[in-house]
Amino acid sequence: MISTSTESVTGEYWLWREQKIYFVKAGSNSQHPPLLLVHGFGASTDHWRKNISELSQDFEVYAIDLLGFGRSQKPAWEYSGNLWRDQLNDFITEKIQRPTVIVGNSLGGYSSLCVAADYPQSVAGVVLLNSAGPFTDTNPLGAKKINPIQKAISQTLQGVLRQSWANQLLFGFVRQKSRIRSTLLKVYLDKSAVTDQLVEEIYRPSCDQGAAQVFASVFSTPQGKKVDELLNAIACPLLMIWGEGDPWMNSRARGARFREFYPSLTEHYINSGHCPHDESPEAVNQLIRDWYKAL
């Protein structure tokens, strides 16, 4: 077994639309397209600390904090897949300057698909880890059809979150370290991976100015393109790695939907939860390496 580093890589800032965007870079290899690692909701480049050092031994690796998360700025904007799609594409165009393989977890996976669909010239391949985003007839995470009661609750919640007092109250509750730890323990199969360091890495950005407004916007902004629309628009190699123990989504059923619209994908199911890259980094790093080198 190859040991993985638990130390975060020091990064730098890139100015995008007058906002400071944090990113890290490690490794160099001109023989392969670079890797760009994109975190999920509430996470950051820190969530890839177990992957960057090992993958950078073979590839040029970048990781980026999406606008509104991590060490990136948090302006009072409308947050959506389209915004992060443009951020990622501009980063590839301006900083990496060649077609890139984008690796995304959860929300980062959906944003990566948006780039591949709308800016195919920037993307050499996509790796999705428990990727979020709704299909035309499903909810954003799972594989179940939304019933009228669920739809009404969702619409009510979106309306409530537009109220400043309600958003502040809910955000103040979910950002507590005890709640962060509780949530992580639910979505990680390996409870030992839920460390004080991980909790702190998620908690710290929630203290930044504007973090509460980002939280409200993500849950109240209209959804973008459906996953089936995005899959119908892409033509690049696609690797899917599923943490099969994810309680937020039925990975097998969701994987079947992806295959329905993109039969040529490569997929693997591993004994992990919603964040397999952090919970099972050795397995994920090896799967990415093997698939990548075979392209």
C-alpha atoms as a PDB file:
ATOM      1  CA  MET A   1       0.000   0.000   0.000  1.00  0.00           C
ATOM      2  CA  ILE A   2       1.293   3.457  -0.925  1.00  0.00           C
ATOM      3  CA  SER A   3       1.116   5.925   1.954  1.00  0.00           C
ATOM      4  CA  THR A   4      -0.707   9.178   1.338  1.00  0.00           C
ATOM      5  CA  SER A   5       0.161  12.583   2.729  1.00  0.00           C
ATOM      6  CA  THR A   6      -2.250  14.272   5.122  1.00  0.00           C
ATOM      7  CA  GLU A   7      -0.529  17.656   4.800  1.00  0.00           C
ATOM      8  CA  SER A   8      -2.192  20.361   2.715  1.00  0.00           C
ATOM      9  CA  VAL A   9      -0.194  21.784  -0.180  1.00  0.00           C
ATOM     10  CA  THR A  10       0.524  25.524  -0.047  1.00  0.00           C
ATOM     11  CA  GLY A  11      -1.169  27.386  -2.862  1.00  0.00           C
ATOM     12  CA  GLU A  12      -1.534  30.822  -4.415  1.00  0.00           C
ATOM     13  CA  TYR A  13      -4.218  33.170  -5.712  1.00  0.00           C
ATOM     14  CA  TRP A  14      -5.555  33.879  -9.187  1.00  0.00           C
ATOM     15  CA  LEU A  15      -7.721  36.933  -9.863  1.00  0.00           C
ATOM     16  CA  TRP A  16     -10.959  36.045 -11.642  1.00  0.00           C
ATOM     17  CA  ARG A  17     -13.676  38.633 -12.263  1.00  0.00           C
ATOM     18  CA  GLU A  18     -11.973  40.777  -9.601  1.00  0.00           C
ATOM     19  CA  GLN A  19     -12.267  37.975  -7.042  1.00  0.00           C
ATOM     20  CA  LYS A  20      -9.361  36.093  -5.441  1.00  0.00           C
ATOM     21  CA  ILE A  21      -9.430  32.393  -6.303  1.00  0.00           C
ATOM     22  CA  TYR A  22      -7.219  29.995  -4.370  1.00  0.00           C
ATOM     23  CA  PHE A  23      -5.510  27.084  -6.100  1.00  0.00           C
ATOM     24  CA  VAL A  24      -2.597  24.728  -5.637  1.00  0.00           C
ATOM     25  CA  LYS A  25      -0.242  23.163  -8.159  1.00  0.00           C
ATOM     26  CA  ALA A  26       2.063  20.167  -7.800  1.00  0.00           C
ATOM     27  CA  GLY A  27       4.101  18.006 -10.152  1.00  0.00           C
ATOM     28  CA  SER A  28       4.957  18.409 -13.816  1.00  0.00           C
ATOM     29  CA  ASN A  29       4.570  16.022 -16.732  1.00  0.00           C
ATOM     30  CA  SER A  30       4.148  17.274 -20.278  1.00  0.00           C
ATOM     31  CA  GLN A  31       3.415  13.775 -21.593  1.00  0.00           C
ATOM     32  CA  HIS A  32      -0.078  13.716 -20.092  1.00  0.00           C
ATOM     33  CA  PRO A  33      -2.877  16.288 -19.869  1.00  0.00           C
ATOM     34  CA  PRO A  34      -2.921  17.938 -16.430  1.00  0.00           C
ATOM     35  CA  LEU A  35      -5.379  16.984 -13.697  1.00  0.00           C
ATOM     36  CA  LEU A  36      -7.698  19.580 -12.144  1.00  0.00           C
ATOM     37  CA  LEU A  37      -9.284  18.505  -8.835  1.00  0.00           C
ATOM     38  CA  VAL A  38     -12.632  20.098  -7.938  1.00  0.00           C
ATOM     39  CA  HIS A  39     -14.112  19.714  -4.431  1.00  0.00           C
ATOM     40  CA  GLY A  40     -17.719  19.276  -3.353  1.00  0.00           C
ATOM     41  CA  PHE A  41     -20.104  21.501  -1.386  1.00  0.00           C
ATOM     42  CA  GLY A  42     -18.523  22.984   1.729  1.00  0.00           C
ATOM     43  CA  ALA A  43     -15.092  21.520   0.990  1.00  0.00           C
ATOM     44  CA  SER A  44     -11.926  22.974  -0.547  1.00  0.00           C
ATOM     45  CA  THR A  45      -8.521  22.112  -1.972  1.00  0.00           C
ATOM     46  CA  ASP A  46      -7.715  20.710   1.492  1.00  0.00           C
ATOM     47  CA  HIS A  47     -10.071  17.818   0.783  1.00  0.00           C
ATOM     48  CA  TRP A  48      -7.611  16.590  -1.878  1.00  0.00           C
ATOM     49  CA  ARG A  49      -4.531  16.576   0.395  1.00  0.00           C
ATOM     50  CA  LYS A  50      -4.400  12.750   0.315  1.00  0.00           C
ATOM     51  CA  ASN A  51      -4.456  12.729  -3.493  1.00  0.00           C
ATOM     52  CA  ILE A  52      -2.294  15.637  -4.644  1.00  0.00           C
ATOM     53  CA  SER A  53       1.097  14.421  -3.450  1.00  0.00           C
ATOM     54  CA  GLU A  54       0.699  10.918  -4.871  1.00  0.00           C
ATOM     55  CA  LEU A  55      -0.914  11.851  -8.188  1.00  0.00           C
ATOM     56  CA  SER A  56       1.665  14.589  -8.750  1.00  0.00           C
ATOM     57  CA  GLN A  57       4.359  11.914  -8.937  1.00  0.00           C
ATOM     58  CA  ASP A  58       2.955  11.005 -12.356  1.00  0.00           C
ATOM     59  CA  PHE A  59       0.976  14.037 -13.464  1.00  0.00           C
ATOM     60  CA  GLU A  60       0.822  17.807 -13.315  1.00  0.00           C
ATOM     61  CA  VAL A  61      -1.898  18.358 -10.719  1.00  0.00           C
ATOM     62  CA  TYR A  62      -3.978  21.410  -9.904  1.00  0.00           C
ATOM     63  CA  ALA A  63      -6.699  21.803  -7.279  1.00  0.00           C
ATOM     64  CA  ILE A  64      -8.950  24.835  -7.006  1.00  0.00           C
ATOM     65  CA  ASP A  65     -11.351  26.381  -4.509  1.00  0.00           C
ATOM     66  CA  LEU A  66     -14.615  27.183  -6.242  1.00  0.00           C
ATOM     67  CA  LEU A  67     -15.801  30.747  -5.798  1.00  0.00           C
ATOM     68  CA  GLY A  68     -17.702  30.896  -2.511  1.00  0.00           C
ATOM     69  CA  PHE A  69     -15.768  28.060  -0.869  1.00  0.00           C
ATOM     70  CA  GLY A  70     -12.466  27.364   0.824  1.00  0.00           C
ATOM     71  CA  ARG A  71      -9.960  30.201   0.661  1.00  0.00           C
ATOM     72  CA  SER A  72     -11.570  31.785  -2.402  1.00  0.00           C
ATOM     73  CA  GLN A  73     -13.593  34.963  -1.963  1.00  0.00           C
ATOM     74  CA  LYS A  74     -17.290  34.820  -1.231  1.00  0.00           C
ATOM     75  CA  PRO A  75     -19.067  37.721  -2.962  1.00  0.00           C
ATOM     76  CA  ALA A  76     -22.836  38.150  -2.771  1.00  0.00           C
ATOM     77  CA  TRP A  77     -23.440  36.632  -6.199  1.00  0.00           C
ATOM     78  CA  GLU A  78     -25.872  34.063  -7.552  1.00  0.00           C
ATOM     79  CA  TYR A  79     -24.136  30.695  -7.295  1.00  0.00           C
ATOM     80  CA  SER A  80     -24.842  27.980  -9.844  1.00  0.00           C
ATOM     81  CA  GLY A  81     -23.254  25.323 -11.988  1.00  0.00           C
ATOM     82  CA  ASN A  82     -22.924  27.873 -14.772  1.00  0.00           C
ATOM     83  CA  LEU A  83     -20.862  30.214 -12.592  1.00  0.00           C
ATOM     84  CA  TRP A  84     -18.447  27.463 -11.555  1.00  0.00           C
ATOM     85  CA  ARG A  85     -18.379  26.130 -15.117  1.00  0.00           C
ATOM     86  CA  ASP A  86     -17.108  29.487 -16.319  1.00  0.00           C
ATOM     87  CA  GLN A  87     -14.625  29.752 -13.444  1.00  0.00           C
ATOM     88  CA  LEU A  88     -13.145  26.326 -14.203  1.00  0.00           C
ATOM     89  CA  ASN A  89     -12.996  26.938 -17.941  1.00  0.00           C
ATOM     90  CA  ASP A  90     -11.303  30.306 -17.497  1.00  0.00           C
ATOM     91  CA  PHE A  91      -8.798  28.760 -15.090  1.00  0.00           C
ATOM     92  CA  ILE A  92      -7.917  26.073 -17.638  1.00  0.00           C
ATOM     93  CA  THR A  93      -7.660  28.676 -20.398  1.00  0.00           C
ATOM     94  CA  GLU A  94      -5.627  31.272 -18.485  1.00  0.00           C
ATOM     95  CA  LYS A  95      -3.532  29.258 -16.035  1.00  0.00           C
ATOM     96  CA  ILE A  96      -3.195  25.685 -17.297  1.00  0.00           C
ATOM     97  CA  GLN A  97      -3.340  26.609 -20.988  1.00  0.00           C
ATOM     98  CA  ARG A  98      -4.006  23.133 -22.396  1.00  0.00           C
ATOM     99  CA  PRO A  99      -6.818  20.569 -22.365  1.00  0.00           C
ATOM    100  CA  THR A 100      -7.227  19.114 -18.889  1.00  0.00           C
ATOM    101  CA  VAL A 101      -8.739  16.080 -17.184  1.00  0.00           C
ATOM    102  CA  ILE A 102     -11.180  17.396 -14.571  1.00  0.00           C
ATOM    103  CA  VAL A 103     -11.770  15.320 -11.430  1.00  0.00           C
ATOM    104  CA  GLY A 104     -14.852  16.340  -9.439  1.00  0.00           C
ATOM    105  CA  ASN A 105     -16.543  15.123  -6.262  1.00  0.00           C
ATOM    106  CA  SER A 106     -20.257  15.700  -5.635  1.00  0.00           C
ATOM    107  CA  LEU A 107     -21.041  19.341  -6.560  1.00  0.00           C
ATOM    108  CA  GLY A 108     -17.581  19.545  -8.146  1.00  0.00           C
ATOM    109  CA  GLY A 109     -18.508  16.603 -10.352  1.00  0.00           C
ATOM    110  CA  TYR A 110     -21.598  18.379 -11.645  1.00  0.00           C
ATOM    111  CA  SER A 111     -19.572  21.531 -12.325  1.00  0.00           C
ATOM    112  CA  SER A 112     -16.965  19.438 -14.171  1.00  0.00           C
ATOM    113  CA  LEU A 113     -19.645  17.934 -16.402  1.00  0.00           C
ATOM    114  CA  CYS A 114     -20.882  21.441 -17.197  1.00  0.00           C
ATOM    115  CA  VAL A 115     -17.395  22.407 -18.412  1.00  0.00           C
ATOM    116  CA  ALA A 116     -17.071  19.270 -20.550  1.00  0.00           C
ATOM    117  CA  ALA A 117     -20.473  19.866 -22.142  1.00  0.00           C
ATOM    118  CA  ASP A 118     -20.160  23.583 -22.859  1.00  0.00           C
ATOM    119  CA  TYR A 119     -16.390  24.007 -23.321  1.00  0.00           C
ATOM    120  CA  PRO A 120     -15.227  20.712 -24.857  1.00  0.00           C
ATOM    121  CA  GLN A 121     -12.018  22.274 -26.166  1.00  0.00           C
ATOM    122  CA  SER A 122     -10.833  22.674 -22.554  1.00  0.00           C
ATOM    123  CA  VAL A 123     -11.452  19.111 -21.402  1.00  0.00           C
ATOM    124  CA  ALA A 124      -9.398  15.990 -22.192  1.00  0.00           C
ATOM    125  CA  GLY A 125     -11.445  13.758 -19.893  1.00  0.00           C
ATOM    126  CA  VAL A 126     -13.663  13.736 -16.806  1.00  0.00           C
ATOM    127  CA  VAL A 127     -13.466  11.732 -13.573  1.00  0.00           C
ATOM    128  CA  LEU A 128     -16.560  11.823 -11.368  1.00  0.00           C
ATOM    129  CA  LEU A 129     -16.632  10.718  -7.730  1.00  0.00           C
ATOM    130  CA  ASN A 130     -20.190  10.386  -6.394  1.00  0.00           C
ATOM    131  CA  SER A 131     -21.193  13.216  -8.670  1.00  0.00           C
ATOM    132  CA  ALA A 132     -24.250  15.315  -7.813  1.00  0.00           C
ATOM    133  CA  GLY A 133     -26.760  16.919 -10.152  1.00  0.00           C
ATOM    134  CA  PRO A 134     -30.311  15.971 -11.154  1.00  0.00           C
ATOM    135  CA  PHE A 135     -31.448  13.901 -14.097  1.00  0.00           C
ATOM    136  CA  THR A 136     -34.547  15.145 -15.865  1.00  0.00           C
ATOM    137  CA  ASP A 137     -36.855  12.952 -13.791  1.00  0.00           C
ATOM    138  CA  THR A 138     -34.952  12.646 -10.506  1.00  0.00           C
ATOM    139  CA  ASN A 139     -33.865  14.657  -7.499  1.00  0.00           C
ATOM    140  CA  PRO A 140     -30.367  16.224  -7.332  1.00  0.00           C
ATOM    141  CA  LEU A 141     -28.634  13.338  -5.549  1.00  0.00           C
ATOM    142  CA  GLY A 142     -30.515  10.089  -5.693  1.00  0.00           C
ATOM    143  CA  ALA A 143     -32.342   7.967  -8.197  1.00  0.00           C
ATOM    144  CA  LYS A 144     -35.881   8.376  -6.883  1.00  0.00           C
ATOM    145  CA  LYS A 145     -38.636  10.376  -8.496  1.00  0.00           C
ATOM    146  CA  ILE A 146     -39.706  13.414  -6.521  1.00  0.00           C
ATOM    147  CA  ASN A 147     -43.213  13.112  -5.099  1.00  0.00           C
ATOM    148  CA  PRO A 148     -45.486  16.172  -4.705  1.00  0.00           C
ATOM    149  CA  ILE A 149     -44.806  16.438  -0.966  1.00  0.00           C
ATOM    150  CA  GLN A 150     -41.037  16.472  -1.500  1.00  0.00           C
ATOM    151  CA  LYS A 151     -41.440  19.104  -4.215  1.00  0.00           C
ATOM    152  CA  ALA A 152     -43.545  21.312  -1.931  1.00  0.00           C
ATOM    153  CA  ILE A 153     -41.036  20.999   0.910  1.00  0.00           C
ATOM    154  CA  SER A 154     -38.189  21.865  -1.447  1.00  0.00           C
ATOM    155  CA  GLN A 155     -39.975  24.941  -2.769  1.00  0.00           C
ATOM    156  CA  THR A 156     -40.838  26.055   0.763  1.00  0.00           C
ATOM    157  CA  LEU A 157     -37.241  25.624   1.890  1.00  0.00           C
ATOM    158  CA  GLN A 158     -35.982  27.666  -1.049  1.00  0.00           C
ATOM    159  CA  GLY A 159     -38.402  30.438  -0.135  1.00  0.00           C
ATOM    160  CA  VAL A 160     -37.365  30.392   3.520  1.00  0.00           C
ATOM    161  CA  LEU A 161     -33.677  30.535   2.640  1.00  0.00           C
ATOM    162  CA  ARG A 162     -34.274  33.756   0.729  1.00  0.00           C
ATOM    163  CA  GLN A 163     -35.174  35.340   4.083  1.00  0.00           C
ATOM    164  CA  SER A 164     -31.993  36.671   5.691  1.00  0.00           C
ATOM    165  CA  TRP A 165     -32.998  35.827   9.262  1.00  0.00           C
ATOM    166  CA  ALA A 166     -33.888  32.230   8.400  1.00  0.00           C
ATOM    167  CA  ASN A 167     -30.722  31.685   6.398  1.00  0.00           C
ATOM    168  CA  GLN A 168     -28.537  33.034   9.194  1.00  0.00           C
ATOM    169  CA  LEU A 169     -30.293  30.819  11.717  1.00  0.00           C
ATOM    170  CA  LEU A 170     -29.937  27.650   9.650  1.00  0.00           C
ATOM    171  CA  PHE A 171     -26.378  28.418   8.592  1.00  0.00           C
ATOM    172  CA  GLY A 172     -25.382  29.087  12.193  1.00  0.00           C
ATOM    173  CA  PHE A 173     -26.717  25.658  13.093  1.00  0.00           C
ATOM    174  CA  VAL A 174     -25.158  23.574  10.309  1.00  0.00           C
ATOM    175  CA  ARG A 175     -21.732  25.241  10.563  1.00  0.00           C
ATOM    176  CA  GLN A 176     -21.184  24.168  14.168  1.00  0.00           C
ATOM    177  CA  LYS A 177     -18.200  21.839  14.456  1.00  0.00           C
ATOM    178  CA  SER A 178     -20.349  19.239  16.185  1.00  0.00           C
ATOM    179  CA  ARG A 179     -22.834  19.269  13.284  1.00  0.00           C
ATOM    180  CA  ILE A 180     -20.039  19.089  10.701  1.00  0.00           C
ATOM    181  CA  ARG A 181     -18.572  16.069  12.485  1.00  0.00           C
ATOM    182  CA  SER A 182     -21.990  14.435  12.787  1.00  0.00           C
ATOM    183  CA  THR A 183     -22.667  14.865   9.072  1.00  0.00           C
ATOM    184  CA  LEU A 184     -19.250  13.509   8.090  1.00  0.00           C
ATOM    185  CA  LEU A 185     -19.727  10.462  10.315  1.00  0.00           C
ATOM    186  CA  LYS A 186     -22.948   9.725   8.432  1.00  0.00           C
ATOM    187  CA  VAL A 187     -21.369   9.878   4.975  1.00  0.00           C
ATOM    188  CA  TYR A 188     -17.997   8.210   5.717  1.00  0.00           C
ATOM    189  CA  LEU A 189     -17.922   4.437   6.169  1.00  0.00           C
ATOM    190  CA  ASP A 190     -14.459   4.609   7.741  1.00  0.00           C
ATOM    191  CA  LYS A 191     -15.145   6.709  10.829  1.00  0.00           C
ATOM    192  CA  SER A 192     -11.410   7.023  11.559  1.00  0.00           C
ATOM    193  CA  ALA A 193     -11.136   9.242   8.450  1.00  0.00           C
ATOM    194  CA  VAL A 194     -13.286  11.876  10.179  1.00  0.00           C
ATOM    195  CA  THR A 195     -10.476  13.661  11.991  1.00  0.00           C
ATOM    196  CA  ASP A 196     -10.244  16.958  13.851  1.00  0.00           C
ATOM    197  CA  GLN A 197      -8.197  18.243  10.917  1.00  0.00           C
ATOM    198  CA  LEU A 198     -10.982  17.415   8.438  1.00  0.00           C
ATOM    199  CA  VAL A 199     -13.644  19.070  10.602  1.00  0.00           C
ATOM    200  CA  GLU A 200     -11.484  22.191  10.980  1.00  0.00           C
ATOM    201  CA  GLU A 201     -10.850  22.377   7.218  1.00  0.00           C
ATOM    202  CA  ILE A 202     -14.590  22.495   6.577  1.00  0.00           C
ATOM    203  CA  TYR A 203     -15.405  24.761   9.511  1.00  0.00           C
ATOM    204  CA  ARG A 204     -12.746  27.419   8.863  1.00  0.00           C
ATOM    205  CA  PRO A 205     -14.132  28.797   5.545  1.00  0.00           C
ATOM    206  CA  SER A 206     -17.623  29.024   7.063  1.00  0.00           C
ATOM    207  CA  CYS A 207     -16.299  31.864   9.239  1.00  0.00           C
ATOM    208  CA  ASP A 208     -15.403  34.013   6.223  1.00  0.00           C
ATOM    209  CA  GLN A 209     -17.363  37.118   5.302  1.00  0.00           C
ATOM    210  CA  GLY A 210     -20.113  36.197   2.848  1.00  0.00           C
ATOM    211  CA  ALA A 211     -20.188  32.462   3.657  1.00  0.00           C
ATOM    212  CA  ALA A 212     -23.813  32.569   4.848  1.00  0.00           C
ATOM    213  CA  GLN A 213     -24.943  34.305   1.644  1.00  0.00           C
ATOM    214  CA  VAL A 214     -23.192  31.640  -0.437  1.00  0.00           C
ATOM    215  CA  PHE A 215     -25.033  28.960   1.535  1.00  0.00           C
ATOM    216  CA  ALA A 216     -28.388  30.622   0.853  1.00  0.00           C
ATOM    217  CA  SER A 217     -27.684  31.157  -2.831  1.00  0.00           C
ATOM    218  CA  VAL A 218     -26.645  27.555  -3.501  1.00  0.00           C
ATOM    219  CA  PHE A 219     -29.948  26.250  -2.138  1.00  0.00           C
ATOM    220  CA  SER A 220     -32.212  28.928  -3.604  1.00  0.00           C
ATOM    221  CA  THR A 221     -30.753  29.475  -7.085  1.00  0.00           C
ATOM    222  CA  PRO A 222     -32.600  27.709  -9.931  1.00  0.00           C
ATOM    223  CA  GLN A 223     -30.909  24.508 -11.076  1.00  0.00           C
ATOM    224  CA  GLY A 224     -28.959  24.407 -14.332  1.00  0.00           C
ATOM    225  CA  LYS A 225     -28.884  21.737 -17.026  1.00  0.00           C
ATOM    226  CA  LYS A 226     -29.846  18.202 -16.112  1.00  0.00           C
ATOM    227  CA  VAL A 227     -27.177  15.508 -16.033  1.00  0.00           C
ATOM    228  CA  ASP A 228     -28.681  13.667 -19.025  1.00  0.00           C
ATOM    229  CA  GLU A 229     -28.498  16.886 -21.067  1.00  0.00           C
ATOM    230  CA  LEU A 230     -24.844  17.290 -20.139  1.00  0.00           C
ATOM    231  CA  LEU A 231     -23.984  13.674 -20.920  1.00  0.00           C
ATOM    232  CA  ASN A 232     -25.648  13.960 -24.320  1.00  0.00           C
ATOM    233  CA  ALA A 233     -23.377  16.928 -25.082  1.00  0.00           C
ATOM    234  CA  ILE A 234     -19.981  15.451 -24.150  1.00  0.00           C
ATOM    235  CA  ALA A 235     -17.647  13.211 -26.150  1.00  0.00           C
ATOM    236  CA  CYS A 236     -14.580  12.869 -23.910  1.00  0.00           C
ATOM    237  CA  PRO A 237     -13.443   9.820 -21.889  1.00  0.00           C
ATOM    238  CA  LEU A 238     -15.405   9.467 -18.645  1.00  0.00           C
ATOM    239  CA  LEU A 239     -14.366   7.583 -15.503  1.00  0.00           C
ATOM    240  CA  MET A 240     -16.831   7.175 -12.661  1.00  0.00           C
ATOM    241  CA  ILE A 241     -15.751   6.082  -9.175  1.00  0.00           C
ATOM    242  CA  TRP A 242     -18.583   5.401  -6.783  1.00  0.00           C
ATOM    243  CA  GLY A 243     -18.399   5.112  -3.008  1.00  0.00           C
ATOM    244  CA  GLU A 244     -21.019   2.410  -2.750  1.00  0.00           C
ATOM    245  CA  GLY A 245     -21.849   3.137   0.886  1.00  0.00           C
ATOM    246  CA  ASP A 246     -22.981   6.720   0.226  1.00  0.00           C
ATOM    247  CA  PRO A 247     -26.217   7.296   2.210  1.00  0.00           C
ATOM    248  CA  TRP A 248     -27.057  10.374   0.137  1.00  0.00           C
ATOM    249  CA  MET A 249     -27.428   8.511  -3.139  1.00  0.00           C
ATOM    250  CA  ASN A 250     -28.133   5.053  -4.467  1.00  0.00           C
ATOM    251  CA  SER A 251     -24.822   4.632  -6.262  1.00  0.00           C
ATOM    252  CA  ARG A 252     -25.749   1.511  -8.245  1.00  0.00           C
ATOM    253  CA  ALA A 253     -29.030   2.976  -9.484  1.00  0.00           C
ATOM    254  CA  ARG A 254     -27.417   6.312 -10.227  1.00  0.00           C
ATOM    255  CA  GLY A 255     -24.549   4.622 -12.057  1.00  0.00           C
ATOM    256  CA  ALA A 256     -27.100   2.840 -14.248  1.00  0.00           C
ATOM    257  CA  ARG A 257     -28.580   6.209 -15.225  1.00  0.00           C
ATOM    258  CA  PHE A 258     -25.156   7.493 -16.263  1.00  0.00           C
ATOM    259  CA  ARG A 259     -24.566   4.361 -18.373  1.00  0.00           C
ATOM    260  CA  GLU A 260     -27.972   4.826 -19.978  1.00  0.00           C
ATOM    261  CA  PHE A 261     -26.912   8.187 -21.392  1.00  0.00           C
ATOM    262  CA  TYR A 262     -23.164   7.520 -21.751  1.00  0.00           C
ATOM    263  CA  PRO A 263     -22.558   3.800 -22.417  1.00  0.00           C
ATOM    264  CA  SER A 264     -18.833   4.216 -23.143  1.00  0.00           C
ATOM    265  CA  LEU A 265     -17.961   5.304 -19.580  1.00  0.00           C
ATOM    266  CA  THR A 266     -15.643   3.324 -17.282  1.00  0.00           C
ATOM    267  CA  GLU A 267     -16.903   2.777 -13.745  1.00  0.00           C
ATOM    268  CA  HIS A 268     -15.769   1.287 -10.443  1.00  0.00           C
ATOM    269  CA  TYR A 269     -17.599   0.747  -7.159  1.00  0.00           C
ATOM    270  CA  ILE A 270     -15.551   0.773  -3.965  1.00  0.00           C
ATOM    271  CA  ASN A 271     -16.266   0.309  -0.262  1.00  0.00           C
ATOM    272  CA  SER A 272     -16.522   3.963   0.647  1.00  0.00           C
ATOM    273  CA  GLY A 273     -19.000   6.747   1.354  1.00  0.00           C
ATOM    274  CA  HIS A 274     -19.755  10.064  -0.336  1.00  0.00           C
ATOM    275  CA  CYS A 275     -16.126  11.238  -0.520  1.00  0.00           C
ATOM    276  CA  PRO A 276     -14.137   8.202  -1.724  1.00  0.00           C
ATOM    277  CA  HIS A 277     -11.057  10.258  -2.635  1.00  0.00           C
ATOM    278  CA  ASP A 278     -10.608  11.251   1.020  1.00  0.00           C
ATOM    279  CA  GLU A 279     -11.860   8.065   2.664  1.00  0.00           C
ATOM    280  CA  SER A 280     -10.127   5.581   0.331  1.00  0.00           C
ATOM    281  CA  PRO A 281      -7.355   7.631  -1.306  1.00  0.00           C
ATOM    282  CA  GLU A 282      -5.069   4.716  -2.188  1.00  0.00           C
ATOM    283  CA  ALA A 283      -7.821   2.967  -4.151  1.00  0.00           C
ATOM    284  CA  VAL A 284      -9.006   6.144  -5.871  1.00  0.00           C
ATOM    285  CA  ASN A 285      -5.501   7.321  -6.768  1.00  0.00           C
ATOM    286  CA  GLN A 286      -4.718   3.942  -8.337  1.00  0.00           C
ATOM    287  CA  LEU A 287      -7.964   3.836 -10.323  1.00  0.00           C
ATOM    288  CA  ILE A 288      -7.338   7.333 -11.684  1.00  0.00           C
ATOM    289  CA  ARG A 289      -3.718   6.507 -12.527  1.00  0.00           C
ATOM    290  CA  ASP A 290      -4.560   3.253 -14.336  1.00  0.00           C
ATOM    291  CA  TRP A 291      -7.431   4.779 -16.337  1.00  0.00           C
ATOM    292  CA  TYR A 292      -5.461   7.922 -17.132  1.00  0.00           C
ATOM    293  CA  LYS A 293      -2.397   6.125 -18.419  1.00  0.00           C
ATOM    294  CA  ALA A 294      -4.567   3.943 -20.643  1.00  0.00           C
ATOM    295  CA  LEU A 295      -6.129   6.936 -22.430  1.00  0.00           C
END
